[in-house]
Every structure is written in C-alpha cells, then in structure tokens.
Protein backbone atom coordinates (compact mmCIF):
# COMPACT_ATOMS: atom_id res chain seq x y z
CA UNK A 1 -13.47 -12.78 4.14
CA UNK A 2 -14.73 -10.31 1.57
CA UNK A 3 -16.58 -7.77 3.70
CA UNK A 4 -18.66 -6.56 0.76
CA UNK A 5 -19.74 -10.05 -0.31
CA UNK A 6 -19.77 -11.63 3.17
CA UNK A 7 -18.11 -14.83 2.00
CA UNK A 8 -14.79 -16.68 2.06
CA UNK A 9 -12.37 -15.62 -0.67
CA UNK A 10 -9.16 -17.20 0.62
CA UNK A 11 -7.01 -18.54 3.44
CA UNK A 12 -3.78 -17.74 5.24
CA UNK A 13 -1.42 -20.66 5.78
CA UNK A 14 -0.42 -21.25 9.42
CA UNK A 15 2.31 -23.69 10.43
CA UNK A 16 1.96 -25.92 13.50
CA UNK A 17 4.19 -28.68 14.83
CA UNK A 18 2.31 -31.88 15.61
CA UNK A 19 4.61 -33.17 18.35
CA UNK A 20 4.36 -36.92 19.19
CA UNK A 21 4.19 -36.19 22.94
CA UNK A 22 3.00 -32.59 23.34
CA UNK A 23 0.41 -32.44 20.57
CA UNK A 24 0.03 -29.24 18.58
CA UNK A 25 2.88 -26.78 19.28
CA UNK A 26 2.46 -23.12 18.28
CA UNK A 27 5.16 -21.33 16.22
CA UNK A 28 6.37 -19.12 19.07
CA UNK A 29 7.69 -22.27 20.77
CA UNK A 30 9.64 -23.74 17.86
CA UNK A 31 10.38 -21.12 15.18
CA UNK A 32 13.41 -19.73 17.04
CA UNK A 33 14.86 -23.25 17.29
CA UNK A 34 14.12 -23.86 13.60
CA UNK A 35 16.07 -20.71 12.74
CA UNK A 36 19.00 -21.64 14.98
CA UNK A 37 19.26 -25.11 13.48
CA UNK A 38 18.96 -23.94 9.88
CA UNK A 39 15.61 -25.64 9.31
CA UNK A 40 13.54 -22.49 8.82
CA UNK A 41 14.08 -22.20 5.08
CA UNK A 42 13.25 -25.87 4.56
CA UNK A 43 10.04 -25.43 6.57
CA UNK A 44 9.07 -22.38 4.53
CA UNK A 45 9.77 -24.19 1.25
CA UNK A 46 7.62 -27.13 2.36
CA UNK A 47 4.88 -24.82 3.63
CA UNK A 48 4.65 -22.90 0.34
CA UNK A 49 4.28 -26.10 -1.67
CA UNK A 50 1.70 -27.59 0.71
CA UNK A 51 -0.33 -24.36 0.83
CA UNK A 52 -0.39 -23.86 -2.93
CA UNK A 53 -1.22 -27.52 -3.52
CA UNK A 54 -4.10 -27.39 -1.02
CA UNK A 55 -5.69 -24.24 -2.41
CA UNK A 56 -5.45 -25.68 -5.93
CA UNK A 57 -7.19 -28.84 -4.73
CA UNK A 58 -10.00 -26.75 -3.26
CA UNK A 59 -10.32 -24.79 -6.49
CA UNK A 60 -10.78 -28.01 -8.43
CA UNK A 61 -13.33 -29.32 -5.91
CA UNK A 62 -15.31 -26.09 -6.18
CA UNK A 63 -15.17 -26.10 -9.97
CA UNK A 64 -17.44 -29.15 -10.01
CA UNK A 65 -20.18 -27.02 -8.44
CA UNK A 66 -19.58 -23.68 -10.16
CA UNK A 67 -18.51 -25.16 -13.49
CA UNK A 68 -15.19 -23.34 -13.87
CA UNK A 69 -12.07 -23.10 -11.69
CA UNK A 70 -11.64 -19.54 -12.92
CA UNK A 71 -14.96 -18.62 -11.31
CA UNK A 72 -13.84 -20.04 -7.94
CA UNK A 73 -10.47 -18.32 -7.45
CA UNK A 74 -9.77 -19.04 -3.79
CA UNK A 75 -6.48 -17.42 -2.78
CA UNK A 76 -3.75 -18.47 -0.36
CA UNK A 77 -1.53 -16.15 1.68
CA UNK A 78 1.88 -17.30 2.93
CA UNK A 79 4.22 -15.39 5.22
CA UNK A 80 7.77 -14.74 3.98
CA UNK A 81 10.52 -14.29 6.58
CA UNK A 82 13.41 -11.83 6.38
CA UNK A 83 16.11 -14.32 5.41
CA UNK A 84 14.00 -15.99 2.74
CA UNK A 85 13.10 -12.63 1.17
CA UNK A 86 16.70 -11.96 0.13
CA UNK A 87 17.65 -15.48 -0.99
CA UNK A 88 18.73 -15.89 -4.60
CA UNK A 89 16.75 -19.10 -5.10
CA UNK A 90 13.46 -17.60 -3.91
CA UNK A 91 12.12 -16.69 -7.36
CA UNK A 92 13.00 -20.02 -9.02
CA UNK A 93 11.46 -21.88 -6.08
CA UNK A 94 8.19 -19.93 -6.26
CA UNK A 95 8.03 -20.53 -10.02
CA UNK A 96 8.60 -24.25 -9.50
CA UNK A 97 5.92 -24.49 -6.81
CA UNK A 98 3.37 -22.73 -9.01
CA UNK A 99 4.27 -24.94 -11.95
CA UNK A 100 4.20 -28.18 -9.92
CA UNK A 101 0.90 -27.41 -8.18
CA UNK A 102 -0.79 -25.75 -11.16
CA UNK A 103 -1.85 -22.77 -9.04
CA UNK A 104 -2.33 -19.55 -11.05
CA UNK A 105 0.17 -16.95 -9.82
CA UNK A 106 -2.50 -14.30 -8.98
CA UNK A 107 -4.04 -16.71 -6.48
CA UNK A 108 -0.88 -16.61 -4.30
CA UNK A 109 -0.17 -13.72 -1.92
CA UNK A 110 3.15 -13.45 -0.12
CA UNK A 111 3.02 -11.51 3.15
CA UNK A 112 6.09 -9.53 4.20
CA UNK A 113 6.55 -7.30 7.22
CA UNK A 114 7.34 -3.59 7.20
CA UNK A 115 10.80 -4.34 8.56
CA UNK A 116 11.71 -6.61 5.67
CA UNK A 117 11.10 -3.98 3.01
CA UNK A 118 12.52 -1.06 5.00
CA UNK A 119 15.81 -2.63 6.13
CA UNK A 120 17.45 -2.40 2.71
CA UNK A 121 15.24 -0.06 0.73
CA UNK A 122 16.83 -0.10 -2.73
CA UNK A 123 17.40 -3.86 -2.87
CA UNK A 124 13.97 -4.46 -1.37
CA UNK A 125 12.32 -2.48 -4.16
CA UNK A 126 14.13 -4.61 -6.76
CA UNK A 127 13.10 -7.84 -5.05
CA UNK A 128 9.47 -6.75 -4.64
CA UNK A 129 9.30 -5.84 -8.34
CA UNK A 130 10.80 -9.23 -9.23
CA UNK A 131 8.15 -10.97 -7.16
CA UNK A 132 5.40 -8.89 -8.75
CA UNK A 133 6.71 -9.81 -12.20
CA UNK A 134 5.96 -13.46 -11.37
CA UNK A 135 2.30 -12.46 -11.27
CA UNK A 136 1.81 -13.12 -7.57
CA UNK A 137 0.39 -10.59 -5.12
CA UNK A 138 2.16 -8.94 -2.19
CA UNK A 139 0.86 -7.75 1.15
CA UNK A 140 2.51 -5.89 4.03
CA UNK A 141 1.65 -7.87 7.15
CA UNK A 142 0.99 -6.47 10.65
CA UNK A 143 0.92 -2.91 9.30
CA UNK A 144 1.09 -0.22 11.92
CA UNK A 145 3.46 -2.01 14.29
CA UNK A 146 6.70 -1.38 12.41
CA UNK A 147 8.50 1.74 11.28
CA UNK A 148 7.47 2.29 7.69
CA UNK A 149 8.62 5.46 6.00
CA UNK A 150 5.53 6.77 4.30
CA UNK A 151 7.76 8.58 1.85
CA UNK A 152 9.12 5.21 0.73
CA UNK A 153 5.97 3.13 0.92
CA UNK A 154 4.54 4.33 -2.39
CA UNK A 155 7.65 3.01 -4.21
CA UNK A 156 6.71 -0.59 -3.42
CA UNK A 157 4.27 -2.21 -5.88
CA UNK A 158 2.20 -3.95 -3.20
CA UNK A 159 -1.41 -5.10 -3.46
CA UNK A 160 -2.54 -4.98 0.14
CA UNK A 161 -1.95 -3.66 3.65
CA UNK A 162 -2.93 -5.87 6.58
CA UNK A 163 -3.91 -3.98 9.72
CA UNK A 164 -2.33 -5.59 12.76
CA UNK A 165 -4.83 -7.37 15.02
CA UNK A 166 -3.74 -5.25 18.02
CA UNK A 167 -5.69 -2.33 16.52
CA UNK A 168 -8.82 -4.38 15.80
CA UNK A 169 -9.33 -7.10 18.40
CA UNK A 170 -10.73 -6.25 21.82
CA UNK A 171 -12.43 -2.88 21.62
CA UNK A 172 -11.64 -1.10 18.38
CA UNK A 173 -12.65 2.14 20.10
CA UNK A 174 -9.93 1.95 22.79
CA UNK A 175 -6.73 4.00 22.89
CA UNK A 176 -7.31 5.77 19.61
CA UNK A 177 -7.42 2.48 17.68
CA UNK A 178 -10.39 3.63 15.63
CA UNK A 179 -8.44 6.64 14.36
CA UNK A 180 -5.46 4.43 13.52
CA UNK A 181 -7.60 1.92 11.63
CA UNK A 182 -9.39 4.69 9.74
CA UNK A 183 -6.05 6.33 8.86
CA UNK A 184 -4.52 3.07 7.57
CA UNK A 185 -7.57 2.35 5.41
CA UNK A 186 -7.50 5.88 4.00
CA UNK A 187 -3.74 5.63 3.35
CA UNK A 188 -4.11 2.29 1.60
CA UNK A 189 -6.88 3.58 -0.66
CA UNK A 190 -4.79 6.65 -1.52
CA UNK A 191 -2.00 4.26 -2.53
CA UNK A 192 -4.48 2.25 -4.61
CA UNK A 193 -4.23 -0.94 -2.54
CA UNK A 194 -6.75 -3.03 -0.60
CA UNK A 195 -6.92 -3.53 3.17
CA UNK A 196 -7.34 -6.64 5.29
CA UNK A 197 -8.16 -6.19 8.98
CA UNK A 198 -6.72 -8.93 11.19
CA UNK A 199 -8.19 -9.95 14.52
CA UNK A 200 -11.92 -9.50 13.77
CA UNK A 201 -13.67 -11.04 16.78
CA UNK A 202 -17.11 -9.40 17.10
CA UNK A 203 -20.07 -8.35 15.00
CA UNK A 204 -19.49 -4.76 16.17
CA UNK A 205 -15.97 -4.77 14.75
CA UNK A 206 -17.20 -6.25 11.49
CA UNK A 207 -19.92 -3.60 11.12
CA UNK A 208 -17.47 -0.78 11.80
CA UNK A 209 -14.89 -2.11 9.32
CA UNK A 210 -17.59 -2.31 6.67
CA UNK A 211 -18.57 1.28 7.42
CA UNK A 212 -14.91 2.30 6.94
CA UNK A 213 -14.88 0.53 3.52
CA UNK A 214 -12.32 -2.07 4.55
CA UNK A 215 -12.22 -4.71 1.81
CA UNK A 216 -11.31 -7.85 3.73
CA UNK A 217 -11.23 -9.25 7.25
CA UNK A 218 -9.95 -12.30 9.07
CA UNK A 219 -10.23 -13.47 12.66
CA UNK A 220 -12.01 -15.66 15.20
CA UNK A 221 -15.41 -14.12 14.38
CA UNK A 222 -15.31 -16.06 11.12
CA UNK A 223 -13.32 -19.10 12.23
CA UNK A 224 -10.52 -20.29 14.47
CA UNK A 225 -7.52 -21.91 12.73
CA UNK A 226 -8.53 -25.16 11.01
CA UNK A 227 -6.76 -28.16 9.57
CA UNK A 228 -7.35 -28.99 5.91
CA UNK A 229 -10.31 -31.34 6.49
CA UNK A 230 -12.08 -28.82 8.73
CA UNK A 231 -11.38 -26.02 6.25
CA UNK A 232 -12.81 -28.18 3.46
CA UNK A 233 -16.01 -28.60 5.43
CA UNK A 234 -16.18 -24.84 5.99
CA UNK A 235 -15.76 -24.14 2.28
CA UNK A 236 -18.46 -26.62 1.36
CA UNK A 237 -20.84 -25.14 3.97
CA UNK A 238 -20.43 -21.83 2.10
CA UNK A 239 -21.25 -19.61 5.10
CA UNK A 240 -22.31 -15.96 4.80
CA UNK A 241 -21.62 -13.10 7.18
C-alpha cells in the first residue's frame, strides 16, 4: 500500500502448497524439504514466472479502465533465497521471464535478506549491480533482524528497506520498537531509498507510520493473503485507506 495515496500499488508473491489431503500447507512446513530434495530452485523459477505473468495480466485488465498500462504500473515483489542469489543462470532466467511475460523490468522487485548480501560482500555487490542493470528493483527484506554492517550498506544500490514485522505488529510502542522503526526510516531516507513496513495490523500503526513518513505498508490491516481470483476482486474494488 502507498501510505501517501492510500491505495494498492503492488503485491508480494507468497508460495503455498495445495496438498491433496492436508489442504493449504505453509512454507515453514515444506521449504526445508524442498531444499533437501533439490526442488527449491525449480519452485523459485516457477514462482517468478507465475508472479510476473499474473501482475502483467492485472496491468492489462486495469489498462481497459485507465486507458494505458503505463498509468497502472502494479508491481510484484518476489523473495530470492541465498542459493539462488549466487547462481550463474539467475540473470538469464530473470531476463527470459520478463521477456516471456512482457512485464516491464521496473515493475519487478526482488527481495533479499541482510544475510545474503553480507555473507560475501564483494561478490554480493557485483551481483546486486548486475541485477540493477537489468532494470529491476531490489529490496532488503526483514531489515533489522540480521547483522548488516552500516558501513557496507551504502555500497549496495538498493531501492527499498523492508522493516521486519516484529517491530510493527502488536504494539509498535513496546520494547523500544518505535525508536527502531523511526531509526530505520531515517536511515533509509539518508541512503535515498524508500521504506516498506511489514506487519501493519491496526489503524493506530498505520497513522504512526504515516506520521514517520514511511512510504509503503503491508499487512493484515489491508488484507490477508489472497489467491489470484480474490486478489483480482480486491484490485477491482479499488479500496482506499
């Protein structure tokens, strides 16, 4: 959600396993198995293609009402795991997905964790720059929970910091969370990047984030996770907050 405009500007892709017996299975119950069996990269490749294709479809649907796809630039965010980040075929695969789906590169944001970019600093800088050269956007996910070196952070050409939901959900005033959130927003703006607050659950949190000049927010206050048909209905309803 754009907190200044009070409207939907994009989505984050979430993967779920629709099990024939157990129904919807959350990632924490199958991702470790997917990694152990070597399926994780295949899942991520599939997810990127599906997510980009879906957001492009929504852009085209919206263009019929606003007259121009360029005026309806919904974005999609996709998480990138540690192993995938360093793979040689990552860049060609992203290029192919964008070409096959017709999604403009700036409408795709890849989310990486602090750990991914700090583990191998010099190589990580090269890879981040390569990704940026594709025209896509980059965000550091769950910021505040890892071990970022602030002296290194400014070397990475990122577009966005995402404040971890643990600092926002519940009571944002507890345990010094307000000071942490304020500090992260200030840091991001000093670096010239935007901020997304995860875990927005109440009107009070939303009002405070707006007061702190946080650009974007996501969380249950706006919507619980939706499948594509439910998300389509939400887009068409065009809600305002």
